Each structure stands twice: as C-alpha cells, then as structure tokens.
Amino acid sequence: MIEERLTELESRVAFQDDTLQKLNDVIVRQQHDIEHLTGELQLLKQQIQILEPSLIADQKEETPPPHY
C-alpha cells in the first residue's frame, strides 16, 4: 500500500517536473521573441523618424485648400 502511494507520488513529481520544464522552455522562447520584436520596433521608429521630414511638404510648396 505505501509502496503504491510512493510510486504514484514519484510519478506525479516526474510529470510536474516535465510540465515545468516545458513551461520554462515556452517562457524562454517568448522572451527571445519579445526581445527580437522590440529590436525591430526600434528600427522601425528610427526609419520613420528619418523619413518623417520628407513626408511633410514645406509650407511654401503647399497649395491652399479649395475654399481659399
């Protein structure tokens, strides 16, 4: 009886260890993805800041709206 309970407990601990390892692997992978995406976001921000002045026409080049 005690040996059966001990075997059951050992089995549960082994299953929990496996589950914890799998969850840890997922968290590590997600952290890597977050870091990668954060880097890409920073690059996109820099590119937008570089392009931003060229997206806005100079006031002298702007044509007045039709109601003027």
PDB file of N, CA and C in Angstrom:
ATOM      1  N   MET A   1       0.824  -1.184   0.000  1.00  0.00           N
ATOM      2  CA  MET A   1       0.000   0.000   0.000  1.00  0.00           C
ATOM      3  C   MET A   1       0.872   1.253   0.000  1.00  0.00           C
ATOM      4  N   ILE A   2       1.845   1.334   0.896  1.00  0.00           N
ATOM      5  CA  ILE A   2       2.713   2.509   0.969  1.00  0.00           C
ATOM      6  C   ILE A   2       3.582   2.591  -0.280  1.00  0.00           C
ATOM      7  N   GLU A   3       4.026   1.443  -0.757  1.00  0.00           N
ATOM      8  CA  GLU A   3       4.857   1.441  -1.953  1.00  0.00           C
ATOM      9  C   GLU A   3       4.075   1.950  -3.164  1.00  0.00           C
ATOM     10  N   GLU A   4       2.798   1.605  -3.257  1.00  0.00           N
ATOM     11  CA  GLU A   4       1.952   2.082  -4.351  1.00  0.00           C
ATOM     12  C   GLU A   4       1.792   3.597  -4.263  1.00  0.00           C
ATOM     13  N   ARG A   5       1.574   4.089  -3.061  1.00  0.00           N
ATOM     14  CA  ARG A   5       1.429   5.537  -2.878  1.00  0.00           C
ATOM     15  C   ARG A   5       2.721   6.260  -3.233  1.00  0.00           C
ATOM     16  N   LEU A   6       3.829   5.684  -2.836  1.00  0.00           N
ATOM     17  CA  LEU A   6       5.122   6.286  -3.136  1.00  0.00           C
ATOM     18  C   LEU A   6       5.366   6.296  -4.646  1.00  0.00           C
ATOM     19  N   THR A   7       5.030   5.221  -5.305  1.00  0.00           N
ATOM     20  CA  THR A   7       5.173   5.145  -6.761  1.00  0.00           C
ATOM     21  C   THR A   7       4.287   6.187  -7.441  1.00  0.00           C
ATOM     22  N   GLU A   8       3.068   6.343  -6.947  1.00  0.00           N
ATOM     23  CA  GLU A   8       2.144   7.344  -7.501  1.00  0.00           C
ATOM     24  C   GLU A   8       2.698   8.753  -7.304  1.00  0.00           C
ATOM     25  N   LEU A   9       3.220   9.033  -6.122  1.00  0.00           N
ATOM     26  CA  LEU A   9       3.791  10.348  -5.852  1.00  0.00           C
ATOM     27  C   LEU A   9       5.016  10.615  -6.730  1.00  0.00           C
ATOM     28  N   GLU A  10       5.853   9.626  -6.897  1.00  0.00           N
ATOM     29  CA  GLU A  10       7.021   9.779  -7.764  1.00  0.00           C
ATOM     30  C   GLU A  10       6.595  10.051  -9.201  1.00  0.00           C
ATOM     31  N   SER A  11       5.551   9.373  -9.638  1.00  0.00           N
ATOM     32  CA  SER A  11       5.036   9.572 -10.986  1.00  0.00           C
ATOM     33  C   SER A  11       4.512  10.999 -11.152  1.00  0.00           C
ATOM     34  N   ARG A  12       3.784  11.488 -10.163  1.00  0.00           N
ATOM     35  CA  ARG A  12       3.248  12.850 -10.213  1.00  0.00           C
ATOM     36  C   ARG A  12       4.367  13.888 -10.226  1.00  0.00           C
ATOM     37  N   VAL A  13       5.375  13.672  -9.417  1.00  0.00           N
ATOM     38  CA  VAL A  13       6.501  14.612  -9.370  1.00  0.00           C
ATOM     39  C   VAL A  13       7.216  14.626 -10.720  1.00  0.00           C
ATOM     40  N   ALA A  14       7.414  13.460 -11.301  1.00  0.00           N
ATOM     41  CA  ALA A  14       8.073  13.386 -12.606  1.00  0.00           C
ATOM     42  C   ALA A  14       7.249  14.122 -13.659  1.00  0.00           C
ATOM     43  N   PHE A  15       5.940  13.946 -13.646  1.00  0.00           N
ATOM     44  CA  PHE A  15       5.061  14.634 -14.586  1.00  0.00           C
ATOM     45  C   PHE A  15       5.126  16.140 -14.370  1.00  0.00           C
ATOM     46  N   GLN A  16       5.099  16.575 -13.108  1.00  0.00           N
ATOM     47  CA  GLN A  16       5.173  18.003 -12.815  1.00  0.00           C
ATOM     48  C   GLN A  16       6.510  18.592 -13.244  1.00  0.00           C
ATOM     49  N   ASP A  17       7.585  17.868 -13.026  1.00  0.00           N
ATOM     50  CA  ASP A  17       8.903  18.328 -13.473  1.00  0.00           C
ATOM     51  C   ASP A  17       8.921  18.523 -14.985  1.00  0.00           C
ATOM     52  N   ASP A  18       8.352  17.559 -15.704  1.00  0.00           N
ATOM     53  CA  ASP A  18       8.294  17.657 -17.159  1.00  0.00           C
ATOM     54  C   ASP A  18       7.463  18.862 -17.591  1.00  0.00           C
ATOM     55  N   THR A  19       6.327  19.048 -16.946  1.00  0.00           N
ATOM     56  CA  THR A  19       5.460  20.180 -17.271  1.00  0.00           C
ATOM     57  C   THR A  19       6.165  21.505 -16.994  1.00  0.00           C
ATOM     58  N   LEU A  20       6.833  21.598 -15.864  1.00  0.00           N
ATOM     59  CA  LEU A  20       7.564  22.827 -15.530  1.00  0.00           C
ATOM     60  C   LEU A  20       8.662  23.119 -16.552  1.00  0.00           C
ATOM     61  N   GLN A  21       9.355  22.096 -16.992  1.00  0.00           N
ATOM     62  CA  GLN A  21      10.408  22.288 -17.986  1.00  0.00           C
ATOM     63  C   GLN A  21       9.822  22.783 -19.303  1.00  0.00           C
ATOM     64  N   LYS A  22       8.693  22.202 -19.712  1.00  0.00           N
ATOM     65  CA  LYS A  22       8.047  22.643 -20.951  1.00  0.00           C
ATOM     66  C   LYS A  22       7.584  24.085 -20.839  1.00  0.00           C
ATOM     67  N   LEU A  23       6.997  24.447 -19.706  1.00  0.00           N
ATOM     68  CA  LEU A  23       6.560  25.827 -19.497  1.00  0.00           C
ATOM     69  C   LEU A  23       7.752  26.784 -19.497  1.00  0.00           C
ATOM     70  N   ASN A  24       8.831  26.380 -18.880  1.00  0.00           N
ATOM     71  CA  ASN A  24      10.031  27.212 -18.871  1.00  0.00           C
ATOM     72  C   ASN A  24      10.557  27.415 -20.288  1.00  0.00           C
ATOM     73  N   ASP A  25      10.553  26.369 -21.086  1.00  0.00           N
ATOM     74  CA  ASP A  25      11.002  26.481 -22.474  1.00  0.00           C
ATOM     75  C   ASP A  25      10.140  27.479 -23.247  1.00  0.00           C
ATOM     76  N   VAL A  26       8.844  27.440 -23.015  1.00  0.00           N
ATOM     77  CA  VAL A  26       7.936  28.377 -23.684  1.00  0.00           C
ATOM     78  C   VAL A  26       8.241  29.810 -23.252  1.00  0.00           C
ATOM     79  N   ILE A  27       8.468  30.015 -21.971  1.00  0.00           N
ATOM     80  CA  ILE A  27       8.761  31.360 -21.470  1.00  0.00           C
ATOM     81  C   ILE A  27      10.068  31.882 -22.050  1.00  0.00           C
ATOM     82  N   VAL A  28      11.072  31.040 -22.116  1.00  0.00           N
ATOM     83  CA  VAL A  28      12.361  31.453 -22.694  1.00  0.00           C
ATOM     84  C   VAL A  28      12.173  31.842 -24.154  1.00  0.00           C
ATOM     85  N   ARG A  29      11.427  31.036 -24.899  1.00  0.00           N
ATOM     86  CA  ARG A  29      11.183  31.331 -26.316  1.00  0.00           C
ATOM     87  C   ARG A  29      10.396  32.630 -26.472  1.00  0.00           C
ATOM     88  N   GLN A  30       9.399  32.841 -25.630  1.00  0.00           N
ATOM     89  CA  GLN A  30       8.618  34.071 -25.698  1.00  0.00           C
ATOM     90  C   GLN A  30       9.475  35.294 -25.374  1.00  0.00           C
ATOM     91  N   GLN A  31      10.350  35.177 -24.398  1.00  0.00           N
ATOM     92  CA  GLN A  31      11.230  36.290 -24.055  1.00  0.00           C
ATOM     93  C   GLN A  31      12.154  36.622 -25.219  1.00  0.00           C
ATOM     94  N   HIS A  32      12.651  35.587 -25.880  1.00  0.00           N
ATOM     95  CA  HIS A  32      13.501  35.799 -27.053  1.00  0.00           C
ATOM     96  C   HIS A  32      12.712  36.527 -28.137  1.00  0.00           C
ATOM     97  N   ASP A  33      11.475  36.088 -28.378  1.00  0.00           N
ATOM     98  CA  ASP A  33      10.624  36.728 -29.387  1.00  0.00           C
ATOM     99  C   ASP A  33      10.349  38.184 -29.028  1.00  0.00           C
ATOM    100  N   ILE A  34      10.081  38.461 -27.757  1.00  0.00           N
ATOM    101  CA  ILE A  34       9.818  39.825 -27.311  1.00  0.00           C
ATOM    102  C   ILE A  34      11.037  40.701 -27.555  1.00  0.00           C
ATOM    103  N   GLU A  35      12.214  40.196 -27.221  1.00  0.00           N
ATOM    104  CA  GLU A  35      13.440  40.972 -27.436  1.00  0.00           C
ATOM    105  C   GLU A  35      13.664  41.242 -28.924  1.00  0.00           C
ATOM    106  N   HIS A  36      13.410  40.242 -29.749  1.00  0.00           N
ATOM    107  CA  HIS A  36      13.558  40.403 -31.197  1.00  0.00           C
ATOM    108  C   HIS A  36      12.571  41.447 -31.729  1.00  0.00           C
ATOM    109  N   LEU A  37      11.322  41.349 -31.319  1.00  0.00           N
ATOM    110  CA  LEU A  37      10.302  42.291 -31.778  1.00  0.00           C
ATOM    111  C   LEU A  37      10.567  43.705 -31.268  1.00  0.00           C
ATOM    112  N   THR A  38      11.088  43.827 -30.059  1.00  0.00           N
ATOM    113  CA  THR A  38      11.429  45.139 -29.527  1.00  0.00           C
ATOM    114  C   THR A  38      12.530  45.774 -30.371  1.00  0.00           C
ATOM    115  N   GLY A  39      13.509  44.988 -30.757  1.00  0.00           N
ATOM    116  CA  GLY A  39      14.571  45.494 -31.628  1.00  0.00           C
ATOM    117  C   GLY A  39      14.034  45.946 -32.970  1.00  0.00           C
ATOM    118  N   GLU A  40      13.146  45.156 -33.552  1.00  0.00           N
ATOM    119  CA  GLU A  40      12.552  45.529 -34.834  1.00  0.00           C
ATOM    120  C   GLU A  40      11.725  46.806 -34.705  1.00  0.00           C
ATOM    121  N   LEU A  41      11.003  46.941 -33.607  1.00  0.00           N
ATOM    122  CA  LEU A  41      10.207  48.143 -33.378  1.00  0.00           C
ATOM    123  C   LEU A  41      11.100  49.377 -33.294  1.00  0.00           C
ATOM    124  N   GLN A  42      12.230  49.253 -32.610  1.00  0.00           N
ATOM    125  CA  GLN A  42      13.167  50.371 -32.516  1.00  0.00           C
ATOM    126  C   GLN A  42      13.687  50.764 -33.900  1.00  0.00           C
ATOM    127  N   LEU A  43      14.005  49.767 -34.732  1.00  0.00           N
ATOM    128  CA  LEU A  43      14.463  50.057 -36.086  1.00  0.00           C
ATOM    129  C   LEU A  43      13.385  50.775 -36.896  1.00  0.00           C
ATOM    130  N   LEU A  44      12.147  50.323 -36.757  1.00  0.00           N
ATOM    131  CA  LEU A  44      11.049  50.973 -37.481  1.00  0.00           C
ATOM    132  C   LEU A  44      10.859  52.411 -37.010  1.00  0.00           C
ATOM    133  N   LYS A  45      10.980  52.643 -35.714  1.00  0.00           N
ATOM    134  CA  LYS A  45      10.869  54.008 -35.193  1.00  0.00           C
ATOM    135  C   LYS A  45      11.952  54.901 -35.780  1.00  0.00           C
ATOM    136  N   GLN A  46      13.174  54.369 -35.846  1.00  0.00           N
ATOM    137  CA  GLN A  46      14.272  55.154 -36.410  1.00  0.00           C
ATOM    138  C   GLN A  46      14.026  55.452 -37.886  1.00  0.00           C
ATOM    139  N   GLN A  47      13.540  54.472 -38.627  1.00  0.00           N
ATOM    140  CA  GLN A  47      13.266  54.687 -40.044  1.00  0.00           C
ATOM    141  C   GLN A  47      12.169  55.722 -40.242  1.00  0.00           C
ATOM    142  N   ILE A  48      11.154  55.689 -39.413  1.00  0.00           N
ATOM    143  CA  ILE A  48      10.066  56.662 -39.520  1.00  0.00           C
ATOM    144  C   ILE A  48      10.582  58.060 -39.194  1.00  0.00           C
ATOM    145  N   GLN A  49      11.418  58.170 -38.175  1.00  0.00           N
ATOM    146  CA  GLN A  49      11.972  59.474 -37.825  1.00  0.00           C
ATOM    147  C   GLN A  49      12.843  60.021 -38.954  1.00  0.00           C
ATOM    148  N   ILE A  50      13.559  59.155 -39.646  1.00  0.00           N
ATOM    149  CA  ILE A  50      14.372  59.593 -40.775  1.00  0.00           C
ATOM    150  C   ILE A  50      13.483  60.046 -41.927  1.00  0.00           C
ATOM    151  N   LEU A  51      12.406  59.322 -42.190  1.00  0.00           N
ATOM    152  CA  LEU A  51      11.515  59.629 -43.311  1.00  0.00           C
ATOM    153  C   LEU A  51      10.524  60.749 -42.996  1.00  0.00           C
ATOM    154  N   GLU A  52      10.251  60.970 -41.735  1.00  0.00           N
ATOM    155  CA  GLU A  52       9.198  61.905 -41.338  1.00  0.00           C
ATOM    156  C   GLU A  52       9.335  63.286 -41.983  1.00  0.00           C
ATOM    157  N   PRO A  53      10.488  63.920 -41.984  1.00  0.00           N
ATOM    158  CA  PRO A  53      10.560  65.245 -42.603  1.00  0.00           C
ATOM    159  C   PRO A  53      10.216  65.225 -44.089  1.00  0.00           C
ATOM    160  N   SER A  54      10.545  64.145 -44.787  1.00  0.00           N
ATOM    161  CA  SER A  54      10.258  64.096 -46.215  1.00  0.00           C
ATOM    162  C   SER A  54       8.773  63.846 -46.495  1.00  0.00           C
ATOM    163  N   LEU A  55       8.042  63.407 -45.495  1.00  0.00           N
ATOM    164  CA  LEU A  55       6.611  63.161 -45.700  1.00  0.00           C
ATOM    165  C   LEU A  55       5.786  64.434 -45.585  1.00  0.00           C
ATOM    166  N   ILE A  56       6.370  65.474 -45.027  1.00  0.00           N
ATOM    167  CA  ILE A  56       5.657  66.734 -44.836  1.00  0.00           C
ATOM    168  C   ILE A  56       6.210  67.750 -45.824  1.00  0.00           C
ATOM    169  N   ALA A  57       5.335  68.301 -46.641  1.00  0.00           N
ATOM    170  CA  ALA A  57       5.767  69.287 -47.627  1.00  0.00           C
ATOM    171  C   ALA A  57       6.037  70.622 -46.929  1.00  0.00           C
ATOM    172  N   ASP A  58       6.941  71.386 -47.504  1.00  0.00           N
ATOM    173  CA  ASP A  58       7.249  72.709 -46.987  1.00  0.00           C
ATOM    174  C   ASP A  58       6.016  73.591 -47.147  1.00  0.00           C
ATOM    175  N   GLN A  59       5.820  74.531 -46.240  1.00  0.00           N
ATOM    176  CA  GLN A  59       4.658  75.419 -46.299  1.00  0.00           C
ATOM    177  C   GLN A  59       4.593  76.142 -47.641  1.00  0.00           C
ATOM    178  N   LYS A  60       5.729  76.519 -48.207  1.00  0.00           N
ATOM    179  CA  LYS A  60       5.757  77.234 -49.490  1.00  0.00           C
ATOM    180  C   LYS A  60       5.272  76.339 -50.629  1.00  0.00           C
ATOM    181  N   GLU A  61       5.463  75.038 -50.488  1.00  0.00           N
ATOM    182  CA  GLU A  61       5.061  74.095 -51.532  1.00  0.00           C
ATOM    183  C   GLU A  61       3.606  73.675 -51.407  1.00  0.00           C
ATOM    184  N   GLU A  62       3.010  73.919 -50.256  1.00  0.00           N
ATOM    185  CA  GLU A  62       1.621  73.517 -50.026  1.00  0.00           C
ATOM    186  C   GLU A  62       0.682  74.385 -50.856  1.00  0.00           C
ATOM    187  N   THR A  63      -0.253  73.750 -51.524  1.00  0.00           N
ATOM    188  CA  THR A  63      -1.269  74.509 -52.229  1.00  0.00           C
ATOM    189  C   THR A  63      -2.392  74.823 -51.259  1.00  0.00           C
ATOM    190  N   PRO A  64      -2.967  75.987 -51.365  1.00  0.00           N
ATOM    191  CA  PRO A  64      -4.046  76.332 -50.425  1.00  0.00           C
ATOM    192  C   PRO A  64      -5.266  75.449 -50.670  1.00  0.00           C
ATOM    193  N   PRO A  65      -6.026  75.206 -49.640  1.00  0.00           N
ATOM    194  CA  PRO A  65      -7.233  74.402 -49.816  1.00  0.00           C
ATOM    195  C   PRO A  65      -8.217  75.099 -50.748  1.00  0.00           C
ATOM    196  N   PRO A  66      -9.156  74.340 -51.315  1.00  0.00           N
ATOM    197  CA  PRO A  66     -10.074  74.897 -52.324  1.00  0.00           C
ATOM    198  C   PRO A  66     -10.916  76.074 -51.822  1.00  0.00           C
ATOM    199  N   HIS A  67     -11.181  76.166 -50.549  1.00  0.00           N
ATOM    200  CA  HIS A  67     -12.070  77.238 -50.076  1.00  0.00           C
ATOM    201  C   HIS A  67     -11.352  78.583 -49.935  1.00  0.00           C
ATOM    202  N   TYR A  68     -10.076  78.698 -50.244  1.00  0.00           N
ATOM    203  CA  TYR A  68      -9.382  79.984 -50.172  1.00  0.00           C
ATOM    204  C   TYR A  68      -9.451  80.716 -51.467  1.00  0.00           C
TER     205      TYR A  68
END
